[in-house]
Structure formats: structure tokens, C-alpha cells
Amino acid sequence: MSENKQNQINIELSDEMAEGIYSNLAIITHSNAEFIIDFVKMMPGVPKAKVKSRIILTPQHAKRLMNALRENISKYEQVHGPVKDSEPTLPFSLGGPTAQA
């Protein structure tokens, strides 16, 4: 068996998961052991936003995700041009160490 076949991972994607979940805000918190990313859907004129998905990562996996996003955004921009960066305004405060994306 070749080395490539031994290193392949078989990933299953259910029909429900394949539909995806829309998010227009990510709230990131962290401790010394993990990063938590809450993907939120905010609607205009609605003061309450819902967390649609929560992902918990080790610091090592968070850094790998950051690097993979950086690489993929660079590839996207080479084809489609620069992505315009904008700062969202939040109608609420969540407290704690957070970053927004």
C-alpha cells in the first residue's frame, strides 16, 4: 500500500450538514486550553442574535485554521481581487476576551 493511501482520511458529510449554516458574525473567546468560535446570525432590526454553531479548538488547531484561512483568502483574492474589509457594529456586549470576524 502506498504512503498516500495510508495517510488519506475518509470524511463523511451528511445531507443536513452539506446544506451549511449561514453566519455573518463570528465571536472568538479563548482560555489557556482552547479557542471557542461562535458563529452567529444577525438580522437587521432584530436585537437578539442566535449562535448557529459553536466550534471548540485546541490552540494548535486554531493556528492551523488561521493559516489555512490566510492561504485560501490569498488564493481567492488572486482570482477575484481584494476582499473589502469592514468593521461590523454590534448592538450588544458579550464581555470577556473576544475578537470578531
PDB file of N, CA and C in Angstrom:
ATOM      1  N   MET A   1       0.849  -1.179   0.000  1.00  0.00           N
ATOM      2  CA  MET A   1       0.000   0.000   0.000  1.00  0.00           C
ATOM      3  C   MET A   1       0.892   1.239   0.000  1.00  0.00           C
ATOM      4  N   SER A   2       0.590   2.205  -0.849  1.00  0.00           N
ATOM      5  CA  SER A   2       1.413   3.410  -0.927  1.00  0.00           C
ATOM      6  C   SER A   2       1.217   4.284   0.311  1.00  0.00           C
ATOM      7  N   GLU A   3       2.196   5.160   0.547  1.00  0.00           N
ATOM      8  CA  GLU A   3       2.133   6.041   1.717  1.00  0.00           C
ATOM      9  C   GLU A   3       0.953   7.003   1.617  1.00  0.00           C
ATOM     10  N   ASN A   4       0.608   7.458   0.395  1.00  0.00           N
ATOM     11  CA  ASN A   4      -0.526   8.369   0.224  1.00  0.00           C
ATOM     12  C   ASN A   4      -1.830   7.725   0.665  1.00  0.00           C
ATOM     13  N   LYS A   5      -2.039   6.458   0.312  1.00  0.00           N
ATOM     14  CA  LYS A   5      -3.275   5.771   0.702  1.00  0.00           C
ATOM     15  C   LYS A   5      -3.356   5.615   2.214  1.00  0.00           C
ATOM     16  N   GLN A   6      -2.232   5.385   2.875  1.00  0.00           N
ATOM     17  CA  GLN A   6      -2.234   5.230   4.324  1.00  0.00           C
ATOM     18  C   GLN A   6      -2.550   6.544   5.024  1.00  0.00           C
ATOM     19  N   ASN A   7      -2.229   7.690   4.427  1.00  0.00           N
ATOM     20  CA  ASN A   7      -2.441   8.989   5.046  1.00  0.00           C
ATOM     21  C   ASN A   7      -3.777   9.622   4.688  1.00  0.00           C
ATOM     22  N   GLN A   8      -4.603   8.971   3.875  1.00  0.00           N
ATOM     23  CA  GLN A   8      -5.895   9.523   3.498  1.00  0.00           C
ATOM     24  C   GLN A   8      -6.906   9.329   4.617  1.00  0.00           C
ATOM     25  N   ILE A   9      -7.793  10.319   4.753  1.00  0.00           N
ATOM     26  CA  ILE A   9      -8.867  10.252   5.747  1.00  0.00           C
ATOM     27  C   ILE A   9     -10.184  10.197   5.000  1.00  0.00           C
ATOM     28  N   ASN A  10     -11.041   9.287   5.369  1.00  0.00           N
ATOM     29  CA  ASN A  10     -12.361   9.180   4.776  1.00  0.00           C
ATOM     30  C   ASN A  10     -13.313  10.054   5.592  1.00  0.00           C
ATOM     31  N   ILE A  11     -13.820  11.128   4.975  1.00  0.00           N
ATOM     32  CA  ILE A  11     -14.694  12.070   5.674  1.00  0.00           C
ATOM     33  C   ILE A  11     -16.104  11.929   5.133  1.00  0.00           C
ATOM     34  N   GLU A  12     -17.061  11.771   6.037  1.00  0.00           N
ATOM     35  CA  GLU A  12     -18.462  11.649   5.651  1.00  0.00           C
ATOM     36  C   GLU A  12     -19.165  12.978   5.880  1.00  0.00           C
ATOM     37  N   LEU A  13     -19.983  13.405   4.919  1.00  0.00           N
ATOM     38  CA  LEU A  13     -20.739  14.648   5.007  1.00  0.00           C
ATOM     39  C   LEU A  13     -22.208  14.325   4.800  1.00  0.00           C
ATOM     40  N   SER A  14     -23.003  14.449   5.874  1.00  0.00           N
ATOM     41  CA  SER A  14     -24.427  14.135   5.772  1.00  0.00           C
ATOM     42  C   SER A  14     -25.129  15.195   4.921  1.00  0.00           C
ATOM     43  N   ASP A  15     -26.309  14.862   4.395  1.00  0.00           N
ATOM     44  CA  ASP A  15     -27.078  15.818   3.594  1.00  0.00           C
ATOM     45  C   ASP A  15     -27.397  17.071   4.407  1.00  0.00           C
ATOM     46  N   GLU A  16     -27.761  16.891   5.663  1.00  0.00           N
ATOM     47  CA  GLU A  16     -28.099  18.038   6.524  1.00  0.00           C
ATOM     48  C   GLU A  16     -26.888  18.949   6.721  1.00  0.00           C
ATOM     49  N   MET A  17     -25.729  18.364   6.984  1.00  0.00           N
ATOM     50  CA  MET A  17     -24.524  19.152   7.205  1.00  0.00           C
ATOM     51  C   MET A  17     -24.072  19.818   5.906  1.00  0.00           C
ATOM     52  N   ALA A  18     -24.299  19.165   4.774  1.00  0.00           N
ATOM     53  CA  ALA A  18     -23.889  19.710   3.486  1.00  0.00           C
ATOM     54  C   ALA A  18     -24.630  21.001   3.149  1.00  0.00           C
ATOM     55  N   GLU A  19     -25.815  21.200   3.709  1.00  0.00           N
ATOM     56  CA  GLU A  19     -26.574  22.427   3.475  1.00  0.00           C
ATOM     57  C   GLU A  19     -25.864  23.639   4.060  1.00  0.00           C
ATOM     58  N   GLY A  20     -25.095  23.443   5.121  1.00  0.00           N
ATOM     59  CA  GLY A  20     -24.379  24.539   5.748  1.00  0.00           C
ATOM     60  C   GLY A  20     -25.286  25.405   6.599  1.00  0.00           C
ATOM     61  N   ILE A  21     -24.670  26.314   7.330  1.00  0.00           N
ATOM     62  CA  ILE A  21     -25.386  27.254   8.182  1.00  0.00           C
ATOM     63  C   ILE A  21     -24.844  28.644   7.883  1.00  0.00           C
ATOM     64  N   TYR A  22     -25.718  29.601   7.614  1.00  0.00           N
ATOM     65  CA  TYR A  22     -25.297  30.962   7.322  1.00  0.00           C
ATOM     66  C   TYR A  22     -24.902  31.676   8.609  1.00  0.00           C
ATOM     67  N   SER A  23     -23.786  32.381   8.557  1.00  0.00           N
ATOM     68  CA  SER A  23     -23.313  33.186   9.682  1.00  0.00           C
ATOM     69  C   SER A  23     -22.717  34.470   9.129  1.00  0.00           C
ATOM     70  N   ASN A  24     -23.055  35.599   9.768  1.00  0.00           N
ATOM     71  CA  ASN A  24     -22.460  36.862   9.348  1.00  0.00           C
ATOM     72  C   ASN A  24     -21.679  37.520  10.483  1.00  0.00           C
ATOM     73  N   LEU A  25     -21.384  36.740  11.525  1.00  0.00           N
ATOM     74  CA  LEU A  25     -20.572  37.221  12.636  1.00  0.00           C
ATOM     75  C   LEU A  25     -19.947  36.021  13.339  1.00  0.00           C
ATOM     76  N   ALA A  26     -18.678  36.126  13.672  1.00  0.00           N
ATOM     77  CA  ALA A  26     -18.008  35.094  14.459  1.00  0.00           C
ATOM     78  C   ALA A  26     -17.465  35.759  15.717  1.00  0.00           C
ATOM     79  N   ILE A  27     -17.732  35.168  16.856  1.00  0.00           N
ATOM     80  CA  ILE A  27     -17.224  35.675  18.126  1.00  0.00           C
ATOM     81  C   ILE A  27     -16.258  34.637  18.675  1.00  0.00           C
ATOM     82  N   ILE A  28     -15.040  35.070  18.954  1.00  0.00           N
ATOM     83  CA  ILE A  28     -13.980  34.157  19.369  1.00  0.00           C
ATOM     84  C   ILE A  28     -13.585  34.455  20.806  1.00  0.00           C
ATOM     85  N   THR A  29     -13.616  33.431  21.642  1.00  0.00           N
ATOM     86  CA  THR A  29     -13.131  33.539  23.016  1.00  0.00           C
ATOM     87  C   THR A  29     -12.095  32.443  23.215  1.00  0.00           C
ATOM     88  N   HIS A  30     -11.292  32.590  24.257  1.00  0.00           N
ATOM     89  CA  HIS A  30     -10.270  31.569  24.482  1.00  0.00           C
ATOM     90  C   HIS A  30      -9.914  31.470  25.955  1.00  0.00           C
ATOM     91  N   SER A  31      -9.391  30.308  26.299  1.00  0.00           N
ATOM     92  CA  SER A  31      -8.792  30.050  27.609  1.00  0.00           C
ATOM     93  C   SER A  31      -7.369  29.586  27.331  1.00  0.00           C
ATOM     94  N   ASN A  32      -6.682  29.140  28.350  1.00  0.00           N
ATOM     95  CA  ASN A  32      -5.327  28.640  28.110  1.00  0.00           C
ATOM     96  C   ASN A  32      -5.328  27.305  27.372  1.00  0.00           C
ATOM     97  N   ALA A  33      -6.464  26.628  27.308  1.00  0.00           N
ATOM     98  CA  ALA A  33      -6.511  25.287  26.715  1.00  0.00           C
ATOM     99  C   ALA A  33      -7.291  25.192  25.412  1.00  0.00           C
ATOM    100  N   GLU A  34      -8.139  26.206  25.107  1.00  0.00           N
ATOM    101  CA  GLU A  34      -8.987  26.071  23.936  1.00  0.00           C
ATOM    102  C   GLU A  34      -9.438  27.420  23.385  1.00  0.00           C
ATOM    103  N   PHE A  35      -9.788  27.402  22.103  1.00  0.00           N
ATOM    104  CA  PHE A  35     -10.421  28.535  21.443  1.00  0.00           C
ATOM    105  C   PHE A  35     -11.849  28.121  21.141  1.00  0.00           C
ATOM    106  N   ILE A  36     -12.785  29.024  21.375  1.00  0.00           N
ATOM    107  CA  ILE A  36     -14.188  28.765  21.085  1.00  0.00           C
ATOM    108  C   ILE A  36     -14.635  29.785  20.053  1.00  0.00           C
ATOM    109  N   ILE A  37     -15.160  29.300  18.934  1.00  0.00           N
ATOM    110  CA  ILE A  37     -15.672  30.183  17.894  1.00  0.00           C
ATOM    111  C   ILE A  37     -17.175  29.966  17.813  1.00  0.00           C
ATOM    112  N   ASP A  38     -17.930  31.021  18.120  1.00  0.00           N
ATOM    113  CA  ASP A  38     -19.387  31.006  17.982  1.00  0.00           C
ATOM    114  C   ASP A  38     -19.737  31.704  16.679  1.00  0.00           C
ATOM    115  N   PHE A  39     -20.415  30.989  15.799  1.00  0.00           N
ATOM    116  CA  PHE A  39     -20.880  31.547  14.543  1.00  0.00           C
ATOM    117  C   PHE A  39     -22.318  32.008  14.750  1.00  0.00           C
ATOM    118  N   VAL A  40     -22.552  33.298  14.512  1.00  0.00           N
ATOM    119  CA  VAL A  40     -23.813  33.954  14.846  1.00  0.00           C
ATOM    120  C   VAL A  40     -24.483  34.454  13.575  1.00  0.00           C
ATOM    121  N   LYS A  41     -25.811  34.434  13.583  1.00  0.00           N
ATOM    122  CA  LYS A  41     -26.600  35.020  12.500  1.00  0.00           C
ATOM    123  C   LYS A  41     -27.315  36.239  13.064  1.00  0.00           C
ATOM    124  N   MET A  42     -26.914  37.420  12.583  1.00  0.00           N
ATOM    125  CA  MET A  42     -27.568  38.674  12.985  1.00  0.00           C
ATOM    126  C   MET A  42     -28.462  39.137  11.854  1.00  0.00           C
ATOM    127  N   MET A  43     -29.660  39.585  12.194  1.00  0.00           N
ATOM    128  CA  MET A  43     -30.586  40.094  11.192  1.00  0.00           C
ATOM    129  C   MET A  43     -30.824  41.574  11.458  1.00  0.00           C
ATOM    130  N   PRO A  44     -30.890  42.387  10.406  1.00  0.00           N
ATOM    131  CA  PRO A  44     -31.119  43.821  10.586  1.00  0.00           C
ATOM    132  C   PRO A  44     -32.415  44.092  11.335  1.00  0.00           C
ATOM    133  N   GLY A  45     -32.349  44.992  12.307  1.00  0.00           N
ATOM    134  CA  GLY A  45     -33.538  45.383  13.062  1.00  0.00           C
ATOM    135  C   GLY A  45     -33.951  44.406  14.141  1.00  0.00           C
ATOM    136  N   VAL A  46     -33.225  43.309  14.298  1.00  0.00           N
ATOM    137  CA  VAL A  46     -33.556  42.315  15.323  1.00  0.00           C
ATOM    138  C   VAL A  46     -32.480  42.390  16.406  1.00  0.00           C
ATOM    139  N   PRO A  47     -32.845  42.798  17.630  1.00  0.00           N
ATOM    140  CA  PRO A  47     -31.829  42.996  18.665  1.00  0.00           C
ATOM    141  C   PRO A  47     -31.225  41.715  19.217  1.00  0.00           C
ATOM    142  N   LYS A  48     -31.878  40.588  18.980  1.00  0.00           N
ATOM    143  CA  LYS A  48     -31.377  39.319  19.507  1.00  0.00           C
ATOM    144  C   LYS A  48     -30.792  38.486  18.374  1.00  0.00           C
ATOM    145  N   ALA A  49     -29.531  38.094  18.542  1.00  0.00           N
ATOM    146  CA  ALA A  49     -28.871  37.259  17.545  1.00  0.00           C
ATOM    147  C   ALA A  49     -28.707  35.858  18.118  1.00  0.00           C
ATOM    148  N   LYS A  50     -28.712  34.871  17.249  1.00  0.00           N
ATOM    149  CA  LYS A  50     -28.591  33.489  17.699  1.00  0.00           C
ATOM    150  C   LYS A  50     -27.269  32.882  17.275  1.00  0.00           C
ATOM    151  N   VAL A  51     -26.661  32.143  18.215  1.00  0.00           N
ATOM    152  CA  VAL A  51     -25.489  31.342  17.865  1.00  0.00           C
ATOM    153  C   VAL A  51     -26.013  30.161  17.051  1.00  0.00           C
ATOM    154  N   LYS A  52     -25.507  30.020  15.835  1.00  0.00           N
ATOM    155  CA  LYS A  52     -25.954  28.947  14.956  1.00  0.00           C
ATOM    156  C   LYS A  52     -25.055  27.724  15.046  1.00  0.00           C
ATOM    157  N   SER A  53     -23.785  27.943  15.448  1.00  0.00           N
ATOM    158  CA  SER A  53     -22.846  26.838  15.570  1.00  0.00           C
ATOM    159  C   SER A  53     -21.708  27.257  16.487  1.00  0.00           C
ATOM    160  N   ARG A  54     -21.189  26.326  17.260  1.00  0.00           N
ATOM    161  CA  ARG A  54     -20.042  26.568  18.132  1.00  0.00           C
ATOM    162  C   ARG A  54     -18.986  25.518  17.820  1.00  0.00           C
ATOM    163  N   ILE A  55     -17.759  25.996  17.585  1.00  0.00           N
ATOM    164  CA  ILE A  55     -16.635  25.105  17.311  1.00  0.00           C
ATOM    165  C   ILE A  55     -15.599  25.330  18.407  1.00  0.00           C
ATOM    166  N   ILE A  56     -15.112  24.252  19.001  1.00  0.00           N
ATOM    167  CA  ILE A  56     -14.100  24.323  20.048  1.00  0.00           C
ATOM    168  C   ILE A  56     -12.823  23.689  19.514  1.00  0.00           C
ATOM    169  N   LEU A  57     -11.719  24.459  19.579  1.00  0.00           N
ATOM    170  CA  LEU A  57     -10.445  24.030  19.008  1.00  0.00           C
ATOM    171  C   LEU A  57      -9.328  24.120  20.035  1.00  0.00           C
ATOM    172  N   THR A  58      -8.327  23.271  19.889  1.00  0.00           N
ATOM    173  CA  THR A  58      -7.100  23.447  20.668  1.00  0.00           C
ATOM    174  C   THR A  58      -6.366  24.653  20.083  1.00  0.00           C
ATOM    175  N   PRO A  59      -5.465  25.280  20.841  1.00  0.00           N
ATOM    176  CA  PRO A  59      -4.697  26.392  20.285  1.00  0.00           C
ATOM    177  C   PRO A  59      -3.941  25.994  19.007  1.00  0.00           C
ATOM    178  N   GLN A  60      -3.422  24.776  18.951  1.00  0.00           N
ATOM    179  CA  GLN A  60      -2.698  24.321  17.767  1.00  0.00           C
ATOM    180  C   GLN A  60      -3.624  24.256  16.549  1.00  0.00           C
ATOM    181  N   HIS A  61      -4.839  23.727  16.732  1.00  0.00           N
ATOM    182  CA  HIS A  61      -5.779  23.643  15.617  1.00  0.00           C
ATOM    183  C   HIS A  61      -6.297  25.025  15.233  1.00  0.00           C
ATOM    184  N   ALA A  62      -6.448  25.924  16.202  1.00  0.00           N
ATOM    185  CA  ALA A  62      -6.867  27.292  15.889  1.00  0.00           C
ATOM    186  C   ALA A  62      -5.824  27.964  14.999  1.00  0.00           C
ATOM    187  N   LYS A  63      -4.552  27.749  15.311  1.00  0.00           N
ATOM    188  CA  LYS A  63      -3.492  28.344  14.498  1.00  0.00           C
ATOM    189  C   LYS A  63      -3.469  27.738  13.099  1.00  0.00           C
ATOM    190  N   ARG A  64      -3.682  26.421  12.996  1.00  0.00           N
ATOM    191  CA  ARG A  64      -3.754  25.780  11.676  1.00  0.00           C
ATOM    192  C   ARG A  64      -4.923  26.332  10.867  1.00  0.00           C
ATOM    193  N   LEU A  65      -6.060  26.546  11.538  1.00  0.00           N
ATOM    194  CA  LEU A  65      -7.220  27.122  10.863  1.00  0.00           C
ATOM    195  C   LEU A  65      -6.904  28.532  10.374  1.00  0.00           C
ATOM    196  N   MET A  66      -6.266  29.345  11.208  1.00  0.00           N
ATOM    197  CA  MET A  66      -5.887  30.699  10.819  1.00  0.00           C
ATOM    198  C   MET A  66      -4.986  30.671   9.578  1.00  0.00           C
ATOM    199  N   ASN A  67      -3.991  29.794   9.581  1.00  0.00           N
ATOM    200  CA  ASN A  67      -3.081  29.698   8.441  1.00  0.00           C
ATOM    201  C   ASN A  67      -3.795  29.210   7.182  1.00  0.00           C
ATOM    202  N   ALA A  68      -4.700  28.248   7.338  1.00  0.00           N
ATOM    203  CA  ALA A  68      -5.449  27.729   6.187  1.00  0.00           C
ATOM    204  C   ALA A  68      -6.371  28.814   5.621  1.00  0.00           C
ATOM    205  N   LEU A  69      -7.012  29.604   6.491  1.00  0.00           N
ATOM    206  CA  LEU A  69      -7.857  30.697   6.018  1.00  0.00           C
ATOM    207  C   LEU A  69      -7.021  31.751   5.293  1.00  0.00           C
ATOM    208  N   ARG A  70      -5.869  32.090   5.865  1.00  0.00           N
ATOM    209  CA  ARG A  70      -4.986  33.083   5.233  1.00  0.00           C
ATOM    210  C   ARG A  70      -4.587  32.611   3.828  1.00  0.00           C
ATOM    211  N   GLU A  71      -4.197  31.354   3.708  1.00  0.00           N
ATOM    212  CA  GLU A  71      -3.784  30.805   2.412  1.00  0.00           C
ATOM    213  C   GLU A  71      -4.938  30.803   1.416  1.00  0.00           C
ATOM    214  N   ASN A  72      -6.131  30.399   1.870  1.00  0.00           N
ATOM    215  CA  ASN A  72      -7.278  30.330   0.967  1.00  0.00           C
ATOM    216  C   ASN A  72      -7.790  31.709   0.572  1.00  0.00           C
ATOM    217  N   ILE A  73      -7.746  32.672   1.475  1.00  0.00           N
ATOM    218  CA  ILE A  73      -8.144  34.041   1.127  1.00  0.00           C
ATOM    219  C   ILE A  73      -7.177  34.614   0.103  1.00  0.00           C
ATOM    220  N   SER A  74      -5.895  34.338   0.258  1.00  0.00           N
ATOM    221  CA  SER A  74      -4.898  34.795  -0.709  1.00  0.00           C
ATOM    222  C   SER A  74      -5.190  34.218  -2.089  1.00  0.00           C
ATOM    223  N   LYS A  75      -5.497  32.919  -2.157  1.00  0.00           N
ATOM    224  CA  LYS A  75      -5.832  32.281  -3.432  1.00  0.00           C
ATOM    225  C   LYS A  75      -7.106  32.886  -4.033  1.00  0.00           C
ATOM    226  N   TYR A  76      -8.096  33.139  -3.190  1.00  0.00           N
ATOM    227  CA  TYR A  76      -9.353  33.747  -3.639  1.00  0.00           C
ATOM    228  C   TYR A  76      -9.088  35.127  -4.236  1.00  0.00           C
ATOM    229  N   GLU A  77      -8.288  35.936  -3.532  1.00  0.00           N
ATOM    230  CA  GLU A  77      -8.012  37.297  -3.984  1.00  0.00           C
ATOM    231  C   GLU A  77      -7.193  37.329  -5.276  1.00  0.00           C
ATOM    232  N   GLN A  78      -6.370  36.318  -5.501  1.00  0.00           N
ATOM    233  CA  GLN A  78      -5.617  36.245  -6.755  1.00  0.00           C
ATOM    234  C   GLN A  78      -6.558  36.090  -7.943  1.00  0.00           C
ATOM    235  N   VAL A  79      -7.675  35.420  -7.730  1.00  0.00           N
ATOM    236  CA  VAL A  79      -8.642  35.185  -8.801  1.00  0.00           C
ATOM    237  C   VAL A  79      -9.693  36.291  -8.866  1.00  0.00           C
ATOM    238  N   HIS A  80     -10.213  36.726  -7.701  1.00  0.00           N
ATOM    239  CA  HIS A  80     -11.376  37.613  -7.652  1.00  0.00           C
ATOM    240  C   HIS A  80     -11.072  39.045  -7.214  1.00  0.00           C
ATOM    241  N   GLY A  81      -9.829  39.337  -6.867  1.00  0.00           N
ATOM    242  CA  GLY A  81      -9.489  40.669  -6.378  1.00  0.00           C
ATOM    243  C   GLY A  81      -9.642  40.756  -4.866  1.00  0.00           C
ATOM    244  N   PRO A  82      -9.196  41.877  -4.291  1.00  0.00           N
ATOM    245  CA  PRO A  82      -9.194  42.029  -2.834  1.00  0.00           C
ATOM    246  C   PRO A  82     -10.588  41.948  -2.221  1.00  0.00           C
ATOM    247  N   VAL A  83     -10.666  41.319  -1.074  1.00  0.00           N
ATOM    248  CA  VAL A  83     -11.894  41.282  -0.287  1.00  0.00           C
ATOM    249  C   VAL A  83     -11.926  42.556   0.549  1.00  0.00           C
ATOM    250  N   LYS A  84     -13.019  43.310   0.453  1.00  0.00           N
ATOM    251  CA  LYS A  84     -13.148  44.550   1.216  1.00  0.00           C
ATOM    252  C   LYS A  84     -13.385  44.210   2.680  1.00  0.00           C
ATOM    253  N   ASP A  85     -12.581  44.801   3.544  1.00  0.00           N
ATOM    254  CA  ASP A  85     -12.694  44.573   4.984  1.00  0.00           C
ATOM    255  C   ASP A  85     -13.572  45.656   5.585  1.00  0.00           C
ATOM    256  N   SER A  86     -14.532  45.256   6.426  1.00  0.00           N
ATOM    257  CA  SER A  86     -15.391  46.236   7.095  1.00  0.00           C
ATOM    258  C   SER A  86     -15.587  45.819   8.546  1.00  0.00           C
ATOM    259  N   GLU A  87     -15.784  46.793   9.402  1.00  0.00           N
ATOM    260  CA  GLU A  87     -15.992  46.544  10.835  1.00  0.00           C
ATOM    261  C   GLU A  87     -17.486  46.487  11.123  1.00  0.00           C
ATOM    262  N   PRO A  88     -17.991  45.346  11.614  1.00  0.00           N
ATOM    263  CA  PRO A  88     -19.413  45.299  11.972  1.00  0.00           C
ATOM    264  C   PRO A  88     -19.648  46.063  13.277  1.00  0.00           C
ATOM    265  N   THR A  89     -20.829  46.613  13.410  1.00  0.00           N
ATOM    266  CA  THR A  89     -21.186  47.261  14.669  1.00  0.00           C
ATOM    267  C   THR A  89     -22.115  46.323  15.419  1.00  0.00           C
ATOM    268  N   LEU A  90     -21.804  46.091  16.660  1.00  0.00           N
ATOM    269  CA  LEU A  90     -22.595  45.166  17.456  1.00  0.00           C
ATOM    270  C   LEU A  90     -23.564  45.923  18.356  1.00  0.00           C
ATOM    271  N   PRO A  91     -24.819  45.479  18.397  1.00  0.00           N
ATOM    272  CA  PRO A  91     -25.795  46.136  19.253  1.00  0.00           C
ATOM    273  C   PRO A  91     -25.767  45.620  20.687  1.00  0.00           C
ATOM    274  N   PHE A  92     -24.800  44.765  21.012  1.00  0.00           N
ATOM    275  CA  PHE A  92     -24.754  44.191  22.354  1.00  0.00           C
ATOM    276  C   PHE A  92     -23.318  43.935  22.748  1.00  0.00           C
ATOM    277  N   SER A  93     -23.088  43.793  24.039  1.00  0.00           N
ATOM    278  CA  SER A  93     -21.751  43.498  24.544  1.00  0.00           C
ATOM    279  C   SER A  93     -21.782  42.129  25.195  1.00  0.00           C
ATOM    280  N   LEU A  94     -20.785  41.319  24.895  1.00  0.00           N
ATOM    281  CA  LEU A  94     -20.750  39.959  25.431  1.00  0.00           C
ATOM    282  C   LEU A  94     -19.771  39.808  26.585  1.00  0.00           C
ATOM    283  N   GLY A  95     -18.874  40.767  26.779  1.00  0.00           N
ATOM    284  CA  GLY A  95     -17.891  40.687  27.851  1.00  0.00           C
ATOM    285  C   GLY A  95     -16.843  39.623  27.581  1.00  0.00           C
ATOM    286  N   GLY A  96     -15.783  39.600  28.372  1.00  0.00           N
ATOM    287  CA  GLY A  96     -14.740  38.589  28.247  1.00  0.00           C
ATOM    288  C   GLY A  96     -13.819  38.877  27.083  1.00  0.00           C
ATOM    289  N   PRO A  97     -12.733  38.087  26.971  1.00  0.00           N
ATOM    290  CA  PRO A  97     -11.790  38.295  25.870  1.00  0.00           C
ATOM    291  C   PRO A  97     -12.386  37.796  24.562  1.00  0.00           C
ATOM    292  N   THR A  98     -12.686  38.726  23.663  1.00  0.00           N
ATOM    293  CA  THR A  98     -13.309  38.335  22.397  1.00  0.00           C
ATOM    294  C   THR A  98     -12.643  39.022  21.227  1.00  0.00           C
ATOM    295  N   ALA A  99     -12.816  38.432  20.072  1.00  0.00           N
ATOM    296  CA  ALA A  99     -12.454  39.038  18.807  1.00  0.00           C
ATOM    297  C   ALA A  99     -13.600  38.767  17.860  1.00  0.00           C
ATOM    298  N   GLN A 100     -13.766  39.603  16.861  1.00  0.00           N
ATOM    299  CA  GLN A 100     -14.861  39.447  15.925  1.00  0.00           C
ATOM    300  C   GLN A 100     -14.309  39.251  14.540  1.00  0.00           C
ATOM    301  N   ALA A 101     -15.005  38.441  13.768  1.00  0.00           N
ATOM    302  CA  ALA A 101     -14.618  38.221  12.373  1.00  0.00           C
ATOM    303  C   ALA A 101     -15.844  38.164  11.507  1.00  0.00           C
TER     304      ALA A 101
END
